């Protein structure tokens, strides 16, 4: 009986370990889901960094030169310089 008990206990322990690996907390499906979520978050972070870089460049342009301010004022607000005639061509 002692000869059969040891392999049975080892097989039971192996089955428990396998069950934890496949269905337990931190098992293979959970890790795969977390890796997918991590990849999605990395993509979102890359997009956010791209937007931040674009806005930073825009802020630097606004700080350093008045040309960008003048261009925005003309396009968005329809502003004109003194003694300047505004002409709009309809297509």
C-alpha atoms as a PDB file:
ATOM      1  CA  UNK A   1       0.000   0.000   0.000  1.00  0.00           C
ATOM      2  CA  UNK A   2       2.897   2.382   0.739  1.00  0.00           C
ATOM      3  CA  UNK A   3       4.204   1.860  -2.781  1.00  0.00           C
ATOM      4  CA  UNK A   4       0.917   3.077  -4.287  1.00  0.00           C
ATOM      5  CA  UNK A   5       0.373   5.999  -1.924  1.00  0.00           C
ATOM      6  CA  UNK A   6       3.397   8.059  -3.004  1.00  0.00           C
ATOM      7  CA  UNK A   7       2.586   8.065  -6.751  1.00  0.00           C
ATOM      8  CA  UNK A   8      -1.086   8.830  -5.996  1.00  0.00           C
ATOM      9  CA  UNK A   9      -0.114  11.806  -3.834  1.00  0.00           C
ATOM     10  CA  UNK A  10       2.301  13.052  -6.499  1.00  0.00           C
ATOM     11  CA  UNK A  11      -0.346  12.716  -9.222  1.00  0.00           C
ATOM     12  CA  UNK A  12      -2.860  14.576  -7.043  1.00  0.00           C
ATOM     13  CA  UNK A  13      -0.346  17.385  -6.430  1.00  0.00           C
ATOM     14  CA  UNK A  14       0.397  17.561 -10.159  1.00  0.00           C
ATOM     15  CA  UNK A  15      -3.320  17.798 -10.917  1.00  0.00           C
ATOM     16  CA  UNK A  16      -3.724  20.625  -8.374  1.00  0.00           C
ATOM     17  CA  UNK A  17      -0.784  22.528  -9.851  1.00  0.00           C
ATOM     18  CA  UNK A  18      -2.142  22.090 -13.377  1.00  0.00           C
ATOM     19  CA  UNK A  19      -5.586  23.270 -12.278  1.00  0.00           C
ATOM     20  CA  UNK A  20      -4.057  26.396 -10.743  1.00  0.00           C
ATOM     21  CA  UNK A  21      -2.069  27.002 -13.919  1.00  0.00           C
ATOM     22  CA  UNK A  22      -5.092  26.789 -16.199  1.00  0.00           C
ATOM     23  CA  UNK A  23      -8.006  28.092 -14.110  1.00  0.00           C
ATOM     24  CA  UNK A  24      -6.570  29.731 -11.004  1.00  0.00           C
ATOM     25  CA  UNK A  25      -5.763  33.345 -10.271  1.00  0.00           C
ATOM     26  CA  UNK A  26      -2.733  34.294 -12.335  1.00  0.00           C
ATOM     27  CA  UNK A  27      -3.280  31.384 -14.697  1.00  0.00           C
ATOM     28  CA  UNK A  28      -2.618  31.338 -18.414  1.00  0.00           C
ATOM     29  CA  UNK A  29      -5.971  32.872 -19.512  1.00  0.00           C
ATOM     30  CA  UNK A  30      -5.624  35.688 -16.983  1.00  0.00           C
ATOM     31  CA  UNK A  31      -2.082  36.438 -18.108  1.00  0.00           C
ATOM     32  CA  UNK A  32      -3.156  36.464 -21.772  1.00  0.00           C
ATOM     33  CA  UNK A  33      -5.979  38.914 -20.974  1.00  0.00           C
ATOM     34  CA  UNK A  34      -3.602  41.162 -19.029  1.00  0.00           C
ATOM     35  CA  UNK A  35      -1.087  41.130 -21.889  1.00  0.00           C
ATOM     36  CA  UNK A  36      -3.844  42.152 -24.333  1.00  0.00           C
ATOM     37  CA  UNK A  37      -4.922  44.965 -22.022  1.00  0.00           C
ATOM     38  CA  UNK A  38      -1.293  46.056 -21.671  1.00  0.00           C
ATOM     39  CA  UNK A  39      -0.887  46.263 -25.459  1.00  0.00           C
ATOM     40  CA  UNK A  40      -4.067  48.352 -25.734  1.00  0.00           C
ATOM     41  CA  UNK A  41      -2.833  50.686 -22.999  1.00  0.00           C
ATOM     42  CA  UNK A  42       0.554  51.050 -24.698  1.00  0.00           C
ATOM     43  CA  UNK A  43      -1.207  52.013 -27.942  1.00  0.00           C
ATOM     44  CA  UNK A  44      -3.337  54.583 -26.110  1.00  0.00           C
ATOM     45  CA  UNK A  45      -0.245  55.968 -24.384  1.00  0.00           C
ATOM     46  CA  UNK A  46       1.601  56.277 -27.703  1.00  0.00           C
ATOM     47  CA  UNK A  47      -1.339  58.208 -29.175  1.00  0.00           C
ATOM     48  CA  UNK A  48      -1.465  60.468 -26.113  1.00  0.00           C
ATOM     49  CA  UNK A  49       2.286  61.135 -26.356  1.00  0.00           C
ATOM     50  CA  UNK A  50       1.887  61.998 -30.038  1.00  0.00           C
ATOM     51  CA  UNK A  51      -0.850  64.504 -29.193  1.00  0.00           C
ATOM     52  CA  UNK A  52       1.212  65.949 -26.354  1.00  0.00           C
ATOM     53  CA  UNK A  53       4.207  66.399 -28.662  1.00  0.00           C
ATOM     54  CA  UNK A  54       2.009  68.106 -31.238  1.00  0.00           C
ATOM     55  CA  UNK A  55       0.527  70.460 -28.645  1.00  0.00           C
ATOM     56  CA  UNK A  56       3.975  71.185 -27.183  1.00  0.00           C
ATOM     57  CA  UNK A  57       5.260  72.152 -30.613  1.00  0.00           C
ATOM     58  CA  UNK A  58       2.237  74.377 -31.102  1.00  0.00           C
ATOM     59  CA  UNK A  59       2.763  76.043 -27.710  1.00  0.00           C
ATOM     60  CA  UNK A  60       6.435  76.653 -28.525  1.00  0.00           C
ATOM     61  CA  UNK A  61       5.437  78.222 -31.836  1.00  0.00           C
ATOM     62  CA  UNK A  62       2.990  80.490 -30.044  1.00  0.00           C
ATOM     63  CA  UNK A  63       5.573  81.468 -27.435  1.00  0.00           C
ATOM     64  CA  UNK A  64       8.390  82.118 -29.882  1.00  0.00           C
ATOM     65  CA  UNK A  65       6.767  83.811 -32.818  1.00  0.00           C
ATOM     66  CA  UNK A  66       3.959  86.188 -33.468  1.00  0.00           C
ATOM     67  CA  UNK A  67       3.512  84.836 -36.984  1.00  0.00           C
ATOM     68  CA  UNK A  68       1.544  81.875 -35.668  1.00  0.00           C
ATOM     69  CA  UNK A  69      -0.618  84.168 -33.526  1.00  0.00           C
ATOM     70  CA  UNK A  70      -1.278  86.423 -36.484  1.00  0.00           C
ATOM     71  CA  UNK A  71      -2.120  83.462 -38.711  1.00  0.00           C
ATOM     72  CA  UNK A  72      -4.582  82.052 -36.180  1.00  0.00           C
ATOM     73  CA  UNK A  73      -6.187  85.439 -35.600  1.00  0.00           C
ATOM     74  CA  UNK A  74      -6.697  85.863 -39.341  1.00  0.00           C
ATOM     75  CA  UNK A  75      -8.052  82.363 -39.933  1.00  0.00           C
ATOM     76  CA  UNK A  76     -10.161  81.786 -36.838  1.00  0.00           C
ATOM     77  CA  UNK A  77     -11.256  85.292 -35.900  1.00  0.00           C
ATOM     78  CA  UNK A  78     -11.211  87.055 -39.274  1.00  0.00           C
ATOM     79  CA  UNK A  79      -8.953  89.817 -37.982  1.00  0.00           C
ATOM     80  CA  UNK A  80      -7.214  92.270 -40.307  1.00  0.00           C
ATOM     81  CA  UNK A  81      -4.374  94.714 -39.836  1.00  0.00           C
ATOM     82  CA  UNK A  82      -4.985  98.465 -39.693  1.00  0.00           C
ATOM     83  CA  UNK A  83      -5.318 100.045 -43.179  1.00  0.00           C
ATOM     84  CA  UNK A  84      -5.803  96.561 -44.673  1.00  0.00           C
ATOM     85  CA  UNK A  85      -8.722  95.688 -46.906  1.00  0.00           C
ATOM     86  CA  UNK A  86     -10.360  92.307 -46.382  1.00  0.00           C
ATOM     87  CA  UNK A  87     -11.446  90.608 -49.578  1.00  0.00           C
ATOM     88  CA  UNK A  88     -13.343  87.322 -49.611  1.00  0.00           C
ATOM     89  CA  UNK A  89     -13.712  85.350 -52.831  1.00  0.00           C
ATOM     90  CA  UNK A  90     -16.724  83.048 -53.016  1.00  0.00           C
ATOM     91  CA  UNK A  91     -16.342  79.932 -55.143  1.00  0.00           C
END
